[in-house]
Amino acid sequence: MGYKVITVEGQQKNFTEVFFSVNEDMACTLFRSCKKVSLIAQASLQSSISFLDFMGVNGQNQSLSIITFGFDSKLPNVTEGVLPAPMRDDVDRKPLNITMHPCGYEVPANGTVDGYEKIANGTCTFCDEMCPTPDIDSSIGFFDGFDQKKSFLFFGVILGLTILNQTYILFWRKNKVNQEWEMVFRETQEPLQANYNPIL
């Protein structure tokens, strides 16, 4: 498609821009066959096109090529007349559609697949058998999902503050309230006693 100048480690380098048009079913099968490989799983890729772009762009600093993919056979952002005839939009092209084999496909004993010889099973061929799903305990504990040390510290602080607050209310505040009530009672009783004149 062209070239793009990118600065890598302080140096400007020319990167070749390459675009591949792929068949949707082929891309989907390829993605499903490799999505459990650790590198792909850790990248949390969710679609075939994001998987292909990740593979094409992730190593661009080493290959000096920016490889992108699309399901449409037309090239993106291409100016008419800039590219040679085999790559122009007016030339009929078909998306790349190579036979893809699913994750559980076992290579024949002769090691020949689709005319290619000396083929062996890759690391993702039997990923379900190599990395079985761990047993999950369905019971949920009170502190599941929390840092236990921090949880105990948090609830301990709340409990301590609650105890201090209740102690304050029970002793100091209660005594102060009683004193205030006694003062109010005396203030109201003294005038009554001063004006009290019993009838003999």
N, C-alpha and C. Protein backbone atom coordinates (compact mmCIF):
# COMPACT_ATOMS: atom_id res chain seq x y z
N MET A 1 0.82 -1.20 0.00
CA MET A 1 0.00 0.00 0.00
C MET A 1 0.85 1.25 0.00
N GLY A 2 1.99 1.20 0.67
CA GLY A 2 2.82 2.39 0.74
C GLY A 2 3.79 2.29 1.89
N TYR A 3 4.29 3.47 2.31
CA TYR A 3 5.26 3.51 3.39
C TYR A 3 4.83 4.55 4.42
N LYS A 4 5.26 4.33 5.64
CA LYS A 4 4.99 5.28 6.71
C LYS A 4 6.27 5.41 7.53
N VAL A 5 6.63 6.66 7.83
CA VAL A 5 7.83 6.93 8.62
C VAL A 5 7.45 6.97 10.10
N ILE A 6 8.06 6.10 10.89
CA ILE A 6 7.78 6.01 12.32
C ILE A 6 9.10 6.09 13.08
N THR A 7 9.07 6.83 14.19
CA THR A 7 10.26 6.95 15.03
C THR A 7 10.32 5.78 16.01
N VAL A 8 11.39 5.01 15.95
CA VAL A 8 11.59 3.87 16.83
C VAL A 8 12.90 4.05 17.57
N GLU A 9 12.81 4.15 18.90
CA GLU A 9 14.00 4.33 19.74
C GLU A 9 14.85 5.51 19.26
N GLY A 10 14.17 6.60 18.94
CA GLY A 10 14.85 7.82 18.54
C GLY A 10 15.30 7.87 17.09
N GLN A 11 15.05 6.81 16.33
CA GLN A 11 15.46 6.78 14.92
C GLN A 11 14.23 6.66 14.03
N GLN A 12 14.23 7.43 12.94
CA GLN A 12 13.13 7.36 11.98
C GLN A 12 13.36 6.21 11.01
N LYS A 13 12.33 5.37 10.88
CA LYS A 13 12.44 4.21 10.00
C LYS A 13 11.23 4.14 9.08
N ASN A 14 11.47 3.62 7.88
CA ASN A 14 10.39 3.44 6.92
C ASN A 14 9.70 2.09 7.17
N PHE A 15 8.39 2.16 7.40
CA PHE A 15 7.60 0.95 7.61
C PHE A 15 6.75 0.69 6.37
N THR A 16 6.80 -0.53 5.89
CA THR A 16 5.98 -0.92 4.74
C THR A 16 4.56 -1.21 5.22
N GLU A 17 3.58 -0.56 4.59
CA GLU A 17 2.19 -0.80 4.93
C GLU A 17 1.64 -1.89 4.02
N VAL A 18 1.15 -2.96 4.63
CA VAL A 18 0.64 -4.11 3.89
C VAL A 18 -0.79 -4.37 4.32
N PHE A 19 -1.67 -4.60 3.34
CA PHE A 19 -3.08 -4.90 3.63
C PHE A 19 -3.45 -6.24 3.02
N PHE A 20 -4.05 -7.11 3.86
CA PHE A 20 -4.52 -8.41 3.40
C PHE A 20 -6.04 -8.46 3.50
N SER A 21 -6.67 -8.86 2.42
CA SER A 21 -8.11 -9.10 2.44
C SER A 21 -8.32 -10.59 2.68
N VAL A 22 -9.08 -10.93 3.72
CA VAL A 22 -9.26 -12.33 4.10
C VAL A 22 -10.73 -12.71 4.11
N ASN A 23 -10.98 -13.97 3.88
CA ASN A 23 -12.34 -14.50 3.95
C ASN A 23 -12.78 -14.56 5.41
N GLU A 24 -14.04 -14.18 5.69
CA GLU A 24 -14.51 -14.11 7.07
C GLU A 24 -14.47 -15.46 7.77
N ASP A 25 -14.91 -16.51 7.08
CA ASP A 25 -14.91 -17.85 7.68
C ASP A 25 -13.48 -18.31 7.99
N MET A 26 -12.57 -17.99 7.09
CA MET A 26 -11.17 -18.37 7.32
C MET A 26 -10.62 -17.65 8.55
N ALA A 27 -10.89 -16.35 8.64
CA ALA A 27 -10.40 -15.57 9.78
C ALA A 27 -10.99 -16.08 11.09
N CYS A 28 -12.29 -16.44 11.05
CA CYS A 28 -12.96 -16.92 12.26
C CYS A 28 -12.36 -18.25 12.72
N THR A 29 -12.13 -19.17 11.78
CA THR A 29 -11.56 -20.47 12.13
C THR A 29 -10.14 -20.31 12.67
N LEU A 30 -9.37 -19.43 12.06
CA LEU A 30 -8.00 -19.18 12.51
C LEU A 30 -8.00 -18.63 13.93
N PHE A 31 -8.91 -17.69 14.20
CA PHE A 31 -8.98 -17.09 15.53
C PHE A 31 -9.38 -18.13 16.58
N ARG A 32 -10.41 -18.93 16.27
CA ARG A 32 -10.86 -19.93 17.23
C ARG A 32 -9.81 -21.00 17.49
N SER A 33 -8.97 -21.27 16.50
CA SER A 33 -7.95 -22.30 16.67
C SER A 33 -6.78 -21.82 17.52
N CYS A 34 -6.63 -20.52 17.65
CA CYS A 34 -5.46 -19.99 18.37
C CYS A 34 -5.81 -19.13 19.57
N LYS A 35 -7.11 -18.93 19.85
CA LYS A 35 -7.47 -17.97 20.90
C LYS A 35 -7.09 -18.43 22.30
N LYS A 36 -6.79 -19.74 22.47
CA LYS A 36 -6.42 -20.23 23.80
C LYS A 36 -4.91 -20.26 24.01
N VAL A 37 -4.16 -19.90 23.00
CA VAL A 37 -2.71 -19.79 23.19
C VAL A 37 -2.45 -18.65 24.18
N SER A 38 -1.48 -18.83 25.07
CA SER A 38 -1.29 -17.88 26.17
C SER A 38 -1.15 -16.44 25.70
N LEU A 39 -0.39 -16.21 24.63
CA LEU A 39 -0.18 -14.84 24.15
C LEU A 39 -1.49 -14.20 23.73
N ILE A 40 -2.32 -14.96 23.01
CA ILE A 40 -3.60 -14.43 22.53
C ILE A 40 -4.58 -14.28 23.68
N ALA A 41 -4.59 -15.25 24.59
CA ALA A 41 -5.51 -15.18 25.73
C ALA A 41 -5.19 -13.99 26.63
N GLN A 42 -3.90 -13.73 26.85
CA GLN A 42 -3.50 -12.61 27.71
C GLN A 42 -3.84 -11.27 27.08
N ALA A 43 -3.88 -11.22 25.76
CA ALA A 43 -4.20 -9.96 25.08
C ALA A 43 -5.69 -9.66 25.10
N SER A 44 -6.51 -10.63 25.56
CA SER A 44 -7.97 -10.46 25.67
C SER A 44 -8.60 -10.05 24.35
N LEU A 45 -8.18 -10.68 23.28
CA LEU A 45 -8.74 -10.38 21.96
C LEU A 45 -10.09 -11.07 21.82
N GLN A 46 -11.07 -10.35 21.27
CA GLN A 46 -12.44 -10.86 21.23
C GLN A 46 -12.97 -11.13 19.83
N SER A 47 -12.23 -10.81 18.80
CA SER A 47 -12.73 -11.02 17.44
C SER A 47 -11.59 -11.43 16.53
N SER A 48 -11.97 -12.02 15.40
CA SER A 48 -10.96 -12.51 14.47
C SER A 48 -10.15 -11.37 13.85
N ILE A 49 -10.81 -10.25 13.54
CA ILE A 49 -10.10 -9.15 12.89
C ILE A 49 -9.14 -8.48 13.87
N SER A 50 -9.54 -8.37 15.15
CA SER A 50 -8.62 -7.80 16.15
C SER A 50 -7.44 -8.73 16.38
N PHE A 51 -7.68 -10.04 16.29
CA PHE A 51 -6.60 -11.01 16.43
C PHE A 51 -5.60 -10.87 15.29
N LEU A 52 -6.10 -10.75 14.05
CA LEU A 52 -5.21 -10.62 12.90
C LEU A 52 -4.43 -9.31 12.96
N ASP A 53 -5.11 -8.23 13.30
CA ASP A 53 -4.41 -6.94 13.40
C ASP A 53 -3.36 -6.97 14.50
N PHE A 54 -3.66 -7.63 15.61
CA PHE A 54 -2.70 -7.77 16.71
C PHE A 54 -1.45 -8.50 16.22
N MET A 55 -1.65 -9.58 15.48
CA MET A 55 -0.51 -10.35 14.98
C MET A 55 0.28 -9.55 13.95
N GLY A 56 -0.42 -8.72 13.17
CA GLY A 56 0.26 -7.97 12.12
C GLY A 56 0.98 -6.74 12.61
N VAL A 57 0.45 -6.12 13.67
CA VAL A 57 1.00 -4.85 14.16
C VAL A 57 1.94 -5.07 15.34
N ASN A 58 1.73 -6.16 16.10
CA ASN A 58 2.50 -6.38 17.32
C ASN A 58 4.00 -6.46 17.07
N GLY A 59 4.40 -7.04 15.94
CA GLY A 59 5.82 -7.18 15.66
C GLY A 59 6.35 -6.21 14.63
N GLN A 60 5.68 -5.06 14.49
CA GLN A 60 6.06 -4.13 13.42
C GLN A 60 7.47 -3.56 13.62
N ASN A 61 7.89 -3.38 14.86
CA ASN A 61 9.22 -2.81 15.08
C ASN A 61 10.33 -3.77 14.66
N GLN A 62 10.03 -5.07 14.66
CA GLN A 62 11.03 -6.04 14.23
C GLN A 62 10.98 -6.28 12.72
N SER A 63 9.76 -6.32 12.18
CA SER A 63 9.62 -6.62 10.75
C SER A 63 9.66 -5.37 9.87
N LEU A 64 9.51 -4.18 10.52
CA LEU A 64 9.41 -2.91 9.78
C LEU A 64 8.27 -2.97 8.77
N SER A 65 7.20 -3.67 9.14
CA SER A 65 6.02 -3.76 8.29
C SER A 65 4.78 -3.60 9.15
N ILE A 66 3.83 -2.80 8.67
CA ILE A 66 2.55 -2.64 9.36
C ILE A 66 1.53 -3.44 8.56
N ILE A 67 1.15 -4.59 9.08
CA ILE A 67 0.25 -5.49 8.37
C ILE A 67 -1.15 -5.38 8.96
N THR A 68 -2.12 -5.01 8.14
CA THR A 68 -3.50 -4.91 8.57
C THR A 68 -4.37 -5.83 7.72
N PHE A 69 -5.57 -6.12 8.24
CA PHE A 69 -6.46 -7.07 7.58
C PHE A 69 -7.85 -6.48 7.47
N GLY A 70 -8.61 -7.00 6.52
CA GLY A 70 -9.99 -6.59 6.33
C GLY A 70 -10.77 -7.66 5.61
N PHE A 71 -12.10 -7.63 5.74
CA PHE A 71 -12.94 -8.61 5.07
C PHE A 71 -13.34 -8.15 3.66
N ASP A 72 -13.14 -6.87 3.37
CA ASP A 72 -13.48 -6.33 2.05
C ASP A 72 -12.25 -6.45 1.15
N SER A 73 -12.49 -6.76 -0.12
CA SER A 73 -11.36 -6.93 -1.04
C SER A 73 -10.78 -5.60 -1.51
N LYS A 74 -11.47 -4.49 -1.19
CA LYS A 74 -10.98 -3.18 -1.60
C LYS A 74 -9.94 -2.66 -0.61
N LEU A 75 -8.94 -2.00 -1.13
CA LEU A 75 -7.90 -1.45 -0.28
C LEU A 75 -8.39 -0.17 0.40
N PRO A 76 -8.07 0.04 1.68
CA PRO A 76 -8.49 1.26 2.37
C PRO A 76 -7.57 2.44 2.06
N ASN A 77 -8.19 3.62 1.90
CA ASN A 77 -7.43 4.87 1.74
C ASN A 77 -6.39 4.80 0.61
N VAL A 78 -6.80 4.31 -0.54
CA VAL A 78 -5.90 4.22 -1.69
C VAL A 78 -6.33 5.23 -2.74
N THR A 79 -5.39 6.06 -3.21
CA THR A 79 -5.67 7.04 -4.25
C THR A 79 -5.54 6.40 -5.62
N GLU A 80 -6.53 6.62 -6.49
CA GLU A 80 -6.53 6.01 -7.83
C GLU A 80 -5.29 6.43 -8.61
N GLY A 81 -4.63 5.47 -9.21
CA GLY A 81 -3.48 5.75 -10.06
C GLY A 81 -2.15 5.69 -9.35
N VAL A 82 -2.19 5.62 -8.01
CA VAL A 82 -0.93 5.59 -7.27
C VAL A 82 -0.32 4.19 -7.31
N LEU A 83 -1.14 3.18 -7.22
CA LEU A 83 -0.66 1.81 -7.16
C LEU A 83 -0.66 1.16 -8.54
N PRO A 84 0.17 0.16 -8.77
CA PRO A 84 0.18 -0.55 -10.04
C PRO A 84 -1.13 -1.30 -10.25
N ALA A 85 -1.38 -1.71 -11.49
CA ALA A 85 -2.66 -2.31 -11.86
C ALA A 85 -3.09 -3.49 -10.98
N PRO A 86 -2.20 -4.42 -10.62
CA PRO A 86 -2.65 -5.57 -9.82
C PRO A 86 -3.19 -5.20 -8.45
N MET A 87 -2.98 -3.94 -7.99
CA MET A 87 -3.42 -3.57 -6.64
C MET A 87 -4.48 -2.48 -6.66
N ARG A 88 -4.93 -2.06 -7.83
CA ARG A 88 -5.93 -0.99 -7.89
C ARG A 88 -7.31 -1.56 -7.63
N ASP A 89 -8.23 -0.68 -7.23
CA ASP A 89 -9.59 -1.13 -6.91
C ASP A 89 -10.37 -1.57 -8.15
N ASP A 90 -9.94 -1.17 -9.34
CA ASP A 90 -10.68 -1.57 -10.53
C ASP A 90 -10.28 -2.96 -11.00
N VAL A 91 -9.39 -3.60 -10.30
CA VAL A 91 -8.96 -4.96 -10.65
C VAL A 91 -9.68 -5.93 -9.73
N ASP A 92 -10.30 -6.95 -10.32
CA ASP A 92 -11.06 -7.93 -9.54
C ASP A 92 -10.11 -8.79 -8.70
N ARG A 93 -10.29 -8.73 -7.39
CA ARG A 93 -9.47 -9.54 -6.50
C ARG A 93 -10.37 -10.33 -5.57
N LYS A 94 -9.91 -11.44 -5.09
CA LYS A 94 -10.67 -12.26 -4.16
C LYS A 94 -9.95 -12.31 -2.82
N PRO A 95 -10.72 -12.29 -1.72
CA PRO A 95 -10.08 -12.35 -0.40
C PRO A 95 -9.30 -13.64 -0.22
N LEU A 96 -8.27 -13.58 0.60
CA LEU A 96 -7.47 -14.75 0.92
C LEU A 96 -8.35 -15.79 1.61
N ASN A 97 -8.37 -17.00 1.07
CA ASN A 97 -9.25 -18.04 1.61
C ASN A 97 -8.52 -19.37 1.62
N ILE A 98 -7.66 -19.55 2.59
CA ILE A 98 -6.90 -20.78 2.74
C ILE A 98 -7.66 -21.72 3.68
N THR A 99 -7.59 -23.01 3.43
CA THR A 99 -8.25 -23.97 4.30
C THR A 99 -7.65 -23.91 5.70
N MET A 100 -8.49 -23.62 6.68
CA MET A 100 -8.04 -23.53 8.06
C MET A 100 -8.56 -24.74 8.83
N HIS A 101 -7.74 -25.29 9.70
CA HIS A 101 -8.13 -26.45 10.48
C HIS A 101 -8.38 -26.04 11.92
N PRO A 102 -9.42 -26.59 12.54
CA PRO A 102 -9.77 -26.21 13.92
C PRO A 102 -8.72 -26.65 14.92
N CYS A 103 -8.90 -26.19 16.16
CA CYS A 103 -7.90 -26.41 17.21
C CYS A 103 -7.63 -27.89 17.45
N GLY A 104 -8.66 -28.74 17.38
CA GLY A 104 -8.48 -30.15 17.69
C GLY A 104 -8.04 -31.01 16.52
N TYR A 105 -7.69 -30.39 15.40
CA TYR A 105 -7.29 -31.17 14.22
C TYR A 105 -5.96 -31.88 14.48
N GLU A 106 -5.94 -33.18 14.19
CA GLU A 106 -4.72 -33.96 14.41
C GLU A 106 -4.00 -34.18 13.09
N VAL A 107 -2.74 -33.82 13.05
CA VAL A 107 -1.94 -33.98 11.84
C VAL A 107 -1.78 -35.48 11.54
N PRO A 108 -1.99 -35.88 10.28
CA PRO A 108 -1.83 -37.30 9.91
C PRO A 108 -0.43 -37.82 10.22
N ALA A 109 -0.31 -39.13 10.25
CA ALA A 109 0.97 -39.76 10.60
C ALA A 109 2.07 -39.42 9.62
N ASN A 110 1.71 -39.20 8.35
CA ASN A 110 2.75 -38.88 7.35
C ASN A 110 3.20 -37.43 7.43
N GLY A 111 2.53 -36.60 8.27
CA GLY A 111 2.94 -35.22 8.45
C GLY A 111 2.65 -34.31 7.28
N THR A 112 1.71 -34.71 6.41
CA THR A 112 1.37 -33.90 5.24
C THR A 112 -0.04 -33.34 5.39
N VAL A 113 -0.17 -32.02 5.28
CA VAL A 113 -1.45 -31.34 5.39
C VAL A 113 -1.57 -30.34 4.25
N ASP A 114 -2.61 -30.49 3.45
CA ASP A 114 -2.86 -29.57 2.32
C ASP A 114 -1.64 -29.45 1.41
N GLY A 115 -0.92 -30.55 1.22
CA GLY A 115 0.23 -30.54 0.32
C GLY A 115 1.53 -30.11 0.98
N TYR A 116 1.45 -29.66 2.23
CA TYR A 116 2.66 -29.26 2.95
C TYR A 116 3.18 -30.45 3.75
N GLU A 117 4.48 -30.70 3.66
CA GLU A 117 5.09 -31.85 4.32
C GLU A 117 5.77 -31.44 5.63
N LYS A 118 6.05 -32.45 6.44
CA LYS A 118 6.75 -32.28 7.72
C LYS A 118 6.00 -31.32 8.65
N ILE A 119 4.69 -31.50 8.70
CA ILE A 119 3.85 -30.70 9.59
C ILE A 119 3.64 -31.46 10.89
N ALA A 120 3.70 -30.76 12.01
CA ALA A 120 3.49 -31.37 13.32
C ALA A 120 2.44 -30.58 14.09
N ASN A 121 1.84 -31.21 15.07
CA ASN A 121 0.85 -30.54 15.89
C ASN A 121 1.51 -29.42 16.70
N GLY A 122 0.86 -28.25 16.70
CA GLY A 122 1.39 -27.10 17.44
C GLY A 122 0.94 -27.11 18.89
N THR A 123 1.37 -26.09 19.63
CA THR A 123 1.04 -26.02 21.05
C THR A 123 -0.44 -25.79 21.30
N CYS A 124 -1.15 -25.25 20.31
CA CYS A 124 -2.57 -24.97 20.53
C CYS A 124 -3.46 -26.10 20.04
N THR A 125 -2.87 -27.18 19.52
CA THR A 125 -3.68 -28.24 18.92
C THR A 125 -4.58 -28.90 19.94
N PHE A 126 -4.04 -29.21 21.08
CA PHE A 126 -4.84 -29.86 22.11
C PHE A 126 -4.83 -29.02 23.39
N CYS A 127 -5.20 -27.76 23.25
CA CYS A 127 -5.10 -26.84 24.37
C CYS A 127 -6.04 -27.23 25.51
N ASP A 128 -7.22 -27.79 25.18
CA ASP A 128 -8.16 -28.18 26.23
C ASP A 128 -7.60 -29.32 27.07
N GLU A 129 -6.88 -30.26 26.41
CA GLU A 129 -6.29 -31.37 27.14
C GLU A 129 -5.05 -30.94 27.92
N MET A 130 -4.26 -30.02 27.34
CA MET A 130 -3.04 -29.57 27.99
C MET A 130 -3.33 -28.64 29.16
N CYS A 131 -4.37 -27.85 29.04
CA CYS A 131 -4.71 -26.87 30.08
C CYS A 131 -6.17 -27.08 30.50
N PRO A 132 -6.48 -28.14 31.26
CA PRO A 132 -7.87 -28.40 31.65
C PRO A 132 -8.41 -27.29 32.54
N THR A 133 -9.71 -27.10 32.45
CA THR A 133 -10.36 -26.08 33.26
C THR A 133 -10.32 -26.48 34.73
N PRO A 134 -9.86 -25.62 35.61
CA PRO A 134 -9.76 -25.98 37.03
C PRO A 134 -11.14 -26.15 37.66
N ASP A 135 -11.20 -27.01 38.69
CA ASP A 135 -12.45 -27.19 39.43
C ASP A 135 -12.79 -25.91 40.17
N ILE A 136 -14.06 -25.57 40.14
CA ILE A 136 -14.51 -24.33 40.76
C ILE A 136 -15.38 -24.66 41.97
N ASP A 137 -15.05 -24.08 43.11
CA ASP A 137 -15.85 -24.25 44.31
C ASP A 137 -17.02 -23.28 44.24
N SER A 138 -18.24 -23.83 44.18
CA SER A 138 -19.42 -22.98 44.00
C SER A 138 -19.79 -22.23 45.27
N SER A 139 -19.29 -22.67 46.43
CA SER A 139 -19.60 -21.96 47.66
C SER A 139 -18.88 -20.62 47.71
N ILE A 140 -19.57 -19.62 48.18
CA ILE A 140 -19.02 -18.26 48.23
C ILE A 140 -18.82 -17.87 49.69
N GLY A 141 -17.61 -17.58 50.05
CA GLY A 141 -17.31 -17.16 51.40
C GLY A 141 -17.59 -15.68 51.62
N PHE A 142 -17.61 -15.29 52.89
CA PHE A 142 -17.92 -13.90 53.22
C PHE A 142 -16.89 -12.93 52.66
N PHE A 143 -15.63 -13.36 52.63
CA PHE A 143 -14.56 -12.47 52.19
C PHE A 143 -14.08 -12.79 50.77
N ASP A 144 -14.82 -13.61 50.02
CA ASP A 144 -14.42 -13.92 48.64
C ASP A 144 -14.36 -12.64 47.81
N GLY A 145 -13.28 -12.47 47.11
CA GLY A 145 -13.11 -11.29 46.27
C GLY A 145 -12.45 -10.13 47.00
N PHE A 146 -12.16 -10.30 48.27
CA PHE A 146 -11.54 -9.22 49.04
C PHE A 146 -10.18 -9.67 49.57
N ASP A 147 -9.35 -8.70 49.84
CA ASP A 147 -8.08 -8.96 50.51
C ASP A 147 -8.40 -9.18 51.99
N GLN A 148 -8.14 -10.38 52.50
CA GLN A 148 -8.56 -10.71 53.86
C GLN A 148 -7.91 -9.81 54.91
N LYS A 149 -6.62 -9.52 54.75
CA LYS A 149 -5.94 -8.68 55.74
C LYS A 149 -6.57 -7.29 55.78
N LYS A 150 -6.79 -6.72 54.60
CA LYS A 150 -7.38 -5.38 54.55
C LYS A 150 -8.83 -5.41 55.04
N SER A 151 -9.54 -6.51 54.74
CA SER A 151 -10.93 -6.61 55.18
C SER A 151 -11.02 -6.67 56.70
N PHE A 152 -10.17 -7.51 57.31
CA PHE A 152 -10.16 -7.60 58.76
C PHE A 152 -9.78 -6.26 59.39
N LEU A 153 -8.81 -5.58 58.79
CA LEU A 153 -8.40 -4.28 59.31
C LEU A 153 -9.54 -3.27 59.21
N PHE A 154 -10.24 -3.27 58.07
CA PHE A 154 -11.34 -2.33 57.85
C PHE A 154 -12.46 -2.57 58.86
N PHE A 155 -12.91 -3.84 58.96
CA PHE A 155 -14.00 -4.14 59.89
C PHE A 155 -13.54 -3.99 61.34
N GLY A 156 -12.25 -4.23 61.61
CA GLY A 156 -11.74 -4.03 62.95
C GLY A 156 -11.80 -2.57 63.37
N VAL A 157 -11.45 -1.67 62.45
CA VAL A 157 -11.53 -0.24 62.73
C VAL A 157 -12.97 0.18 62.99
N ILE A 158 -13.90 -0.32 62.16
CA ILE A 158 -15.32 0.02 62.35
C ILE A 158 -15.81 -0.49 63.71
N LEU A 159 -15.44 -1.74 64.05
CA LEU A 159 -15.85 -2.30 65.34
C LEU A 159 -15.27 -1.50 66.50
N GLY A 160 -13.99 -1.12 66.38
CA GLY A 160 -13.36 -0.34 67.44
C GLY A 160 -14.02 1.02 67.63
N LEU A 161 -14.33 1.69 66.53
CA LEU A 161 -15.00 2.99 66.62
C LEU A 161 -16.40 2.85 67.21
N THR A 162 -17.07 1.76 66.86
CA THR A 162 -18.41 1.53 67.41
C THR A 162 -18.36 1.33 68.92
N ILE A 163 -17.38 0.55 69.38
CA ILE A 163 -17.22 0.32 70.82
C ILE A 163 -16.90 1.63 71.55
N LEU A 164 -16.00 2.42 70.99
CA LEU A 164 -15.66 3.71 71.60
C LEU A 164 -16.87 4.63 71.66
N ASN A 165 -17.66 4.64 70.59
CA ASN A 165 -18.84 5.50 70.55
C ASN A 165 -19.87 5.07 71.59
N GLN A 166 -20.09 3.76 71.72
CA GLN A 166 -21.06 3.28 72.71
C GLN A 166 -20.57 3.53 74.13
N THR A 167 -19.26 3.38 74.33
CA THR A 167 -18.69 3.67 75.65
C THR A 167 -18.87 5.14 76.00
N TYR A 168 -18.64 6.00 75.02
CA TYR A 168 -18.83 7.44 75.23
C TYR A 168 -20.27 7.76 75.59
N ILE A 169 -21.20 7.14 74.86
CA ILE A 169 -22.62 7.40 75.12
C ILE A 169 -23.02 6.85 76.48
N LEU A 170 -22.53 5.65 76.80
CA LEU A 170 -22.96 4.98 78.02
C LEU A 170 -22.44 5.65 79.29
N PHE A 171 -21.24 6.14 79.27
CA PHE A 171 -20.64 6.68 80.48
C PHE A 171 -20.57 8.21 80.48
N TRP A 172 -19.69 8.76 79.69
CA TRP A 172 -19.44 10.21 79.76
C TRP A 172 -20.67 11.01 79.34
N ARG A 173 -21.26 10.67 78.19
CA ARG A 173 -22.41 11.42 77.71
C ARG A 173 -23.61 11.25 78.62
N LYS A 174 -23.80 10.02 79.12
CA LYS A 174 -24.94 9.77 80.00
C LYS A 174 -24.82 10.57 81.28
N ASN A 175 -23.62 10.58 81.87
CA ASN A 175 -23.41 11.35 83.10
C ASN A 175 -23.63 12.84 82.86
N LYS A 176 -23.16 13.32 81.72
CA LYS A 176 -23.33 14.74 81.42
C LYS A 176 -24.80 15.09 81.24
N VAL A 177 -25.54 14.22 80.57
CA VAL A 177 -26.98 14.46 80.38
C VAL A 177 -27.69 14.45 81.73
N ASN A 178 -27.32 13.51 82.61
CA ASN A 178 -27.94 13.45 83.93
C ASN A 178 -27.65 14.72 84.73
N GLN A 179 -26.42 15.23 84.63
CA GLN A 179 -26.07 16.46 85.33
C GLN A 179 -26.90 17.63 84.80
N GLU A 180 -27.06 17.69 83.48
CA GLU A 180 -27.85 18.77 82.89
C GLU A 180 -29.31 18.69 83.33
N TRP A 181 -29.84 17.47 83.38
CA TRP A 181 -31.22 17.32 83.84
C TRP A 181 -31.37 17.73 85.31
N GLU A 182 -30.41 17.37 86.13
CA GLU A 182 -30.46 17.76 87.54
C GLU A 182 -30.41 19.27 87.70
N MET A 183 -29.57 19.92 86.87
CA MET A 183 -29.47 21.38 86.92
C MET A 183 -30.79 22.03 86.51
N VAL A 184 -31.37 21.51 85.42
CA VAL A 184 -32.65 22.05 84.97
C VAL A 184 -33.73 21.83 86.03
N PHE A 185 -33.70 20.65 86.64
CA PHE A 185 -34.70 20.33 87.66
C PHE A 185 -34.58 21.28 88.85
N ARG A 186 -33.34 21.55 89.29
CA ARG A 186 -33.14 22.46 90.42
C ARG A 186 -33.60 23.87 90.07
N GLU A 187 -33.27 24.29 88.82
CA GLU A 187 -33.66 25.64 88.42
C GLU A 187 -35.17 25.81 88.38
N THR A 188 -35.87 24.76 88.05
CA THR A 188 -37.34 24.87 88.00
C THR A 188 -37.97 24.67 89.37
N GLN A 189 -37.31 23.92 90.23
CA GLN A 189 -37.87 23.65 91.55
C GLN A 189 -37.66 24.79 92.53
N GLU A 190 -36.52 25.50 92.42
CA GLU A 190 -36.23 26.57 93.37
C GLU A 190 -37.28 27.68 93.35
N PRO A 191 -37.69 28.19 92.18
CA PRO A 191 -38.75 29.22 92.19
C PRO A 191 -40.05 28.71 92.77
N LEU A 192 -40.35 27.46 92.50
CA LEU A 192 -41.59 26.90 93.04
C LEU A 192 -41.55 26.82 94.55
N GLN A 193 -40.38 26.41 95.05
CA GLN A 193 -40.26 26.31 96.50
C GLN A 193 -40.26 27.69 97.15
N ALA A 194 -39.69 28.70 96.45
CA ALA A 194 -39.65 30.06 97.02
C ALA A 194 -41.04 30.67 97.08
N ASN A 195 -41.87 30.38 96.12
CA ASN A 195 -43.22 30.95 96.08
C ASN A 195 -44.25 30.08 96.77
N TYR A 196 -43.78 28.94 97.28
CA TYR A 196 -44.74 28.03 97.91
C TYR A 196 -45.18 28.58 99.27
N ASN A 197 -46.46 28.77 99.47
CA ASN A 197 -47.01 29.31 100.72
C ASN A 197 -48.17 28.41 101.14
N PRO A 198 -47.87 27.47 101.97
CA PRO A 198 -48.94 26.52 102.33
C PRO A 198 -50.04 27.21 103.14
N ILE A 199 -51.24 26.82 102.94
CA ILE A 199 -52.39 27.37 103.67
C ILE A 199 -52.57 26.56 104.95
N LEU A 200 -52.48 27.26 106.02
CA LEU A 200 -52.64 26.59 107.30
C LEU A 200 -54.11 26.54 107.67
